[in-house]
Amino acid sequence: MRISALAILTTVAILTTAPAVAQRYDANYPICLQSYGLGGGYNIDCSYTSMEQCQATASGLSATCDANPYYANAQAPRRPSRQPRRGY
């Protein structure tokens, strides 16, 4: 009885797991188009060199344009320099 319950539990666990989703961002382009489909699905296309180019493609579609978080030439935001403390 334990073996059959364990076999059923293992089978259910294997059949209900979802496949892993691969990274969909192309590190060569700074702008990504995220388009939404029926049933909550979406697609990411990182092949745009400017926000204007992406917005022209997204015009009339259920889509948004975002900065690519994995862009290879992206620069980290600069931290403000610290001022030395004054002694009174």
N, C-alpha and C. Protein backbone atom coordinates (compact mmCIF):
# COMPACT_ATOMS: atom_id res chain seq x y z
N MET A 1 0.83 -1.20 0.00
CA MET A 1 0.00 0.00 0.00
C MET A 1 0.87 1.26 0.00
N ARG A 2 1.95 1.24 0.80
CA ARG A 2 2.83 2.41 0.83
C ARG A 2 3.51 2.63 -0.52
N ILE A 3 3.90 1.55 -1.15
CA ILE A 3 4.61 1.67 -2.43
C ILE A 3 3.70 2.25 -3.50
N SER A 4 2.45 1.81 -3.55
CA SER A 4 1.53 2.35 -4.56
C SER A 4 1.21 3.81 -4.27
N ALA A 5 1.07 4.20 -3.00
CA ALA A 5 0.81 5.60 -2.66
C ALA A 5 2.01 6.46 -3.02
N LEU A 6 3.21 5.95 -2.76
CA LEU A 6 4.42 6.67 -3.10
C LEU A 6 4.57 6.80 -4.62
N ALA A 7 4.23 5.76 -5.34
CA ALA A 7 4.31 5.79 -6.80
C ALA A 7 3.32 6.80 -7.37
N ILE A 8 2.12 6.85 -6.84
CA ILE A 8 1.11 7.82 -7.31
C ILE A 8 1.57 9.24 -6.99
N LEU A 9 2.07 9.45 -5.78
CA LEU A 9 2.54 10.78 -5.39
C LEU A 9 3.71 11.23 -6.28
N THR A 10 4.63 10.35 -6.56
CA THR A 10 5.76 10.68 -7.42
C THR A 10 5.30 10.99 -8.84
N THR A 11 4.37 10.22 -9.37
CA THR A 11 3.85 10.45 -10.71
C THR A 11 3.15 11.81 -10.80
N VAL A 12 2.34 12.13 -9.82
CA VAL A 12 1.64 13.42 -9.80
C VAL A 12 2.64 14.56 -9.70
N ALA A 13 3.65 14.42 -8.88
CA ALA A 13 4.65 15.48 -8.72
C ALA A 13 5.41 15.71 -10.02
N ILE A 14 5.74 14.65 -10.74
CA ILE A 14 6.47 14.80 -12.00
C ILE A 14 5.59 15.41 -13.08
N LEU A 15 4.33 15.02 -13.15
CA LEU A 15 3.45 15.51 -14.20
C LEU A 15 2.98 16.95 -13.98
N THR A 16 3.02 17.43 -12.76
CA THR A 16 2.54 18.79 -12.48
C THR A 16 3.64 19.83 -12.46
N THR A 17 4.89 19.44 -12.60
CA THR A 17 5.96 20.43 -12.62
C THR A 17 5.99 21.12 -13.96
N ALA A 18 6.29 22.41 -13.93
CA ALA A 18 6.35 23.21 -15.15
C ALA A 18 7.78 23.24 -15.66
N PRO A 19 7.95 23.30 -16.96
CA PRO A 19 9.31 23.39 -17.50
C PRO A 19 9.95 24.74 -17.16
N ALA A 20 11.25 24.77 -17.02
CA ALA A 20 11.96 26.00 -16.72
C ALA A 20 11.93 26.91 -17.95
N VAL A 21 11.84 28.20 -17.70
CA VAL A 21 11.82 29.18 -18.78
C VAL A 21 13.22 29.75 -18.94
N ALA A 22 13.73 29.73 -20.15
CA ALA A 22 15.08 30.25 -20.42
C ALA A 22 15.07 31.77 -20.45
N GLN A 23 16.23 32.34 -20.28
CA GLN A 23 16.36 33.79 -20.35
C GLN A 23 16.01 34.25 -21.75
N ARG A 24 15.17 35.27 -21.85
CA ARG A 24 14.71 35.73 -23.16
C ARG A 24 15.25 37.10 -23.53
N TYR A 25 16.21 37.58 -22.79
CA TYR A 25 16.76 38.90 -23.05
C TYR A 25 18.03 38.77 -23.87
N ASP A 26 18.14 39.55 -24.95
CA ASP A 26 19.35 39.56 -25.75
C ASP A 26 20.23 40.69 -25.23
N ALA A 27 21.43 40.36 -24.78
CA ALA A 27 22.31 41.34 -24.15
C ALA A 27 22.92 42.32 -25.15
N ASN A 28 22.62 42.19 -26.44
CA ASN A 28 23.20 43.07 -27.45
C ASN A 28 22.34 44.29 -27.75
N TYR A 29 21.12 44.34 -27.27
CA TYR A 29 20.21 45.44 -27.58
C TYR A 29 19.69 46.08 -26.29
N PRO A 30 19.58 47.41 -26.25
CA PRO A 30 19.20 48.09 -25.02
C PRO A 30 17.70 48.14 -24.73
N ILE A 31 16.85 47.86 -25.71
CA ILE A 31 15.40 48.01 -25.53
C ILE A 31 14.69 46.69 -25.85
N CYS A 32 13.70 46.33 -25.02
CA CYS A 32 12.91 45.11 -25.23
C CYS A 32 11.44 45.45 -25.39
N LEU A 33 10.78 44.71 -26.26
CA LEU A 33 9.34 44.81 -26.47
C LEU A 33 8.70 43.60 -25.80
N GLN A 34 7.79 43.87 -24.87
CA GLN A 34 7.07 42.79 -24.21
C GLN A 34 5.62 42.85 -24.68
N SER A 35 5.22 41.84 -25.47
CA SER A 35 3.86 41.81 -25.99
C SER A 35 3.05 40.75 -25.25
N TYR A 36 1.81 41.06 -25.02
CA TYR A 36 0.92 40.20 -24.23
C TYR A 36 -0.05 39.49 -25.14
N GLY A 37 -0.31 38.21 -24.85
CA GLY A 37 -1.22 37.42 -25.66
C GLY A 37 -2.45 37.01 -24.88
N LEU A 38 -3.26 36.20 -25.50
CA LEU A 38 -4.47 35.71 -24.85
C LEU A 38 -4.11 34.71 -23.76
N GLY A 39 -4.88 34.68 -22.72
CA GLY A 39 -4.66 33.73 -21.64
C GLY A 39 -3.52 34.12 -20.71
N GLY A 40 -3.05 35.35 -20.77
CA GLY A 40 -2.00 35.81 -19.87
C GLY A 40 -0.59 35.51 -20.33
N GLY A 41 -0.42 34.95 -21.50
CA GLY A 41 0.93 34.69 -22.01
C GLY A 41 1.59 35.96 -22.52
N TYR A 42 2.90 35.92 -22.59
CA TYR A 42 3.61 37.09 -23.10
C TYR A 42 4.86 36.65 -23.84
N ASN A 43 5.39 37.56 -24.64
CA ASN A 43 6.59 37.31 -25.42
C ASN A 43 7.51 38.50 -25.27
N ILE A 44 8.81 38.25 -25.11
CA ILE A 44 9.79 39.32 -24.99
C ILE A 44 10.71 39.28 -26.20
N ASP A 45 10.84 40.42 -26.86
CA ASP A 45 11.71 40.54 -28.04
C ASP A 45 12.69 41.68 -27.81
N CYS A 46 13.94 41.35 -27.55
CA CYS A 46 14.97 42.36 -27.31
C CYS A 46 15.81 42.53 -28.57
N SER A 47 15.28 43.26 -29.53
CA SER A 47 16.02 43.50 -30.78
C SER A 47 15.86 44.94 -31.24
N TYR A 48 15.73 45.87 -30.30
CA TYR A 48 15.51 47.28 -30.64
C TYR A 48 16.66 48.13 -30.13
N THR A 49 17.06 49.09 -30.94
CA THR A 49 18.19 49.94 -30.59
C THR A 49 17.76 51.26 -29.95
N SER A 50 16.48 51.61 -30.07
CA SER A 50 16.00 52.85 -29.46
C SER A 50 14.57 52.66 -28.95
N MET A 51 14.20 53.49 -28.00
CA MET A 51 12.85 53.44 -27.45
C MET A 51 11.83 53.83 -28.51
N GLU A 52 12.18 54.78 -29.38
CA GLU A 52 11.27 55.21 -30.43
C GLU A 52 10.99 54.09 -31.42
N GLN A 53 12.02 53.34 -31.78
CA GLN A 53 11.85 52.20 -32.69
C GLN A 53 10.92 51.17 -32.08
N CYS A 54 11.10 50.87 -30.81
CA CYS A 54 10.25 49.89 -30.13
C CYS A 54 8.81 50.40 -30.03
N GLN A 55 8.64 51.67 -29.68
CA GLN A 55 7.29 52.22 -29.54
C GLN A 55 6.55 52.26 -30.87
N ALA A 56 7.27 52.45 -31.96
CA ALA A 56 6.63 52.41 -33.28
C ALA A 56 6.11 51.00 -33.57
N THR A 57 6.85 49.99 -33.16
CA THR A 57 6.41 48.61 -33.36
C THR A 57 5.25 48.28 -32.43
N ALA A 58 5.28 48.78 -31.20
CA ALA A 58 4.26 48.48 -30.21
C ALA A 58 2.95 49.24 -30.46
N SER A 59 2.98 50.24 -31.31
CA SER A 59 1.80 51.05 -31.57
C SER A 59 0.64 50.19 -32.07
N GLY A 60 -0.48 50.23 -31.37
CA GLY A 60 -1.66 49.48 -31.75
C GLY A 60 -1.68 48.06 -31.23
N LEU A 61 -0.63 47.63 -30.57
CA LEU A 61 -0.57 46.28 -30.01
C LEU A 61 -0.71 46.32 -28.50
N SER A 62 -0.98 45.20 -27.92
CA SER A 62 -0.98 45.09 -26.47
C SER A 62 0.45 44.78 -26.05
N ALA A 63 1.27 45.84 -25.97
CA ALA A 63 2.70 45.66 -25.73
C ALA A 63 3.28 46.87 -25.01
N THR A 64 4.42 46.65 -24.37
CA THR A 64 5.15 47.73 -23.72
C THR A 64 6.62 47.65 -24.10
N CYS A 65 7.30 48.78 -24.02
CA CYS A 65 8.74 48.84 -24.27
C CYS A 65 9.45 49.15 -22.97
N ASP A 66 10.51 48.40 -22.69
CA ASP A 66 11.26 48.56 -21.46
C ASP A 66 12.74 48.52 -21.75
N ALA A 67 13.52 49.09 -20.84
CA ALA A 67 14.97 48.98 -20.94
C ALA A 67 15.38 47.55 -20.64
N ASN A 68 16.34 47.05 -21.38
CA ASN A 68 16.83 45.69 -21.20
C ASN A 68 17.72 45.63 -19.95
N PRO A 69 17.32 44.86 -18.93
CA PRO A 69 18.14 44.81 -17.70
C PRO A 69 19.45 44.06 -17.91
N TYR A 70 19.59 43.32 -19.00
CA TYR A 70 20.80 42.55 -19.26
C TYR A 70 21.63 43.12 -20.41
N TYR A 71 21.40 44.37 -20.74
CA TYR A 71 22.14 45.00 -21.84
C TYR A 71 23.63 45.01 -21.50
N ALA A 72 24.46 44.52 -22.42
CA ALA A 72 25.89 44.33 -22.16
C ALA A 72 26.65 45.64 -21.99
N ASN A 73 26.23 46.71 -22.66
CA ASN A 73 26.94 47.98 -22.58
C ASN A 73 26.32 48.94 -21.57
N ALA A 74 25.43 48.44 -20.76
CA ALA A 74 24.78 49.31 -19.78
C ALA A 74 25.79 49.78 -18.74
N GLN A 75 25.61 51.00 -18.28
CA GLN A 75 26.50 51.54 -17.26
C GLN A 75 25.74 51.60 -15.94
N ALA A 76 26.43 51.29 -14.88
CA ALA A 76 25.82 51.36 -13.56
C ALA A 76 25.57 52.82 -13.21
N PRO A 77 24.47 53.10 -12.50
CA PRO A 77 24.20 54.48 -12.11
C PRO A 77 25.32 55.00 -11.21
N ARG A 78 25.67 56.25 -11.41
CA ARG A 78 26.74 56.84 -10.62
C ARG A 78 26.23 57.22 -9.24
N ARG A 79 27.03 56.91 -8.27
CA ARG A 79 26.69 57.31 -6.90
C ARG A 79 27.20 58.71 -6.67
N PRO A 80 26.45 59.53 -5.95
CA PRO A 80 26.93 60.88 -5.67
C PRO A 80 28.18 60.81 -4.79
N SER A 81 29.12 61.72 -5.05
CA SER A 81 30.33 61.71 -4.24
C SER A 81 30.02 62.22 -2.84
N ARG A 82 30.72 61.65 -1.89
CA ARG A 82 30.50 62.05 -0.49
C ARG A 82 31.34 63.27 -0.17
N GLN A 83 30.73 64.19 0.51
CA GLN A 83 31.43 65.38 0.96
C GLN A 83 32.12 65.07 2.29
N PRO A 84 33.35 65.53 2.47
CA PRO A 84 34.00 65.29 3.76
C PRO A 84 33.28 66.02 4.87
N ARG A 85 33.29 65.42 6.04
CA ARG A 85 32.63 66.05 7.19
C ARG A 85 33.46 67.23 7.68
N ARG A 86 32.77 68.24 8.08
CA ARG A 86 33.46 69.41 8.61
C ARG A 86 33.59 69.29 10.13
N GLY A 87 34.72 69.65 10.61
CA GLY A 87 34.90 69.69 12.07
C GLY A 87 34.51 71.06 12.60
N TYR A 88 33.81 71.09 13.68
CA TYR A 88 33.37 72.37 14.23
C TYR A 88 34.21 72.77 15.41
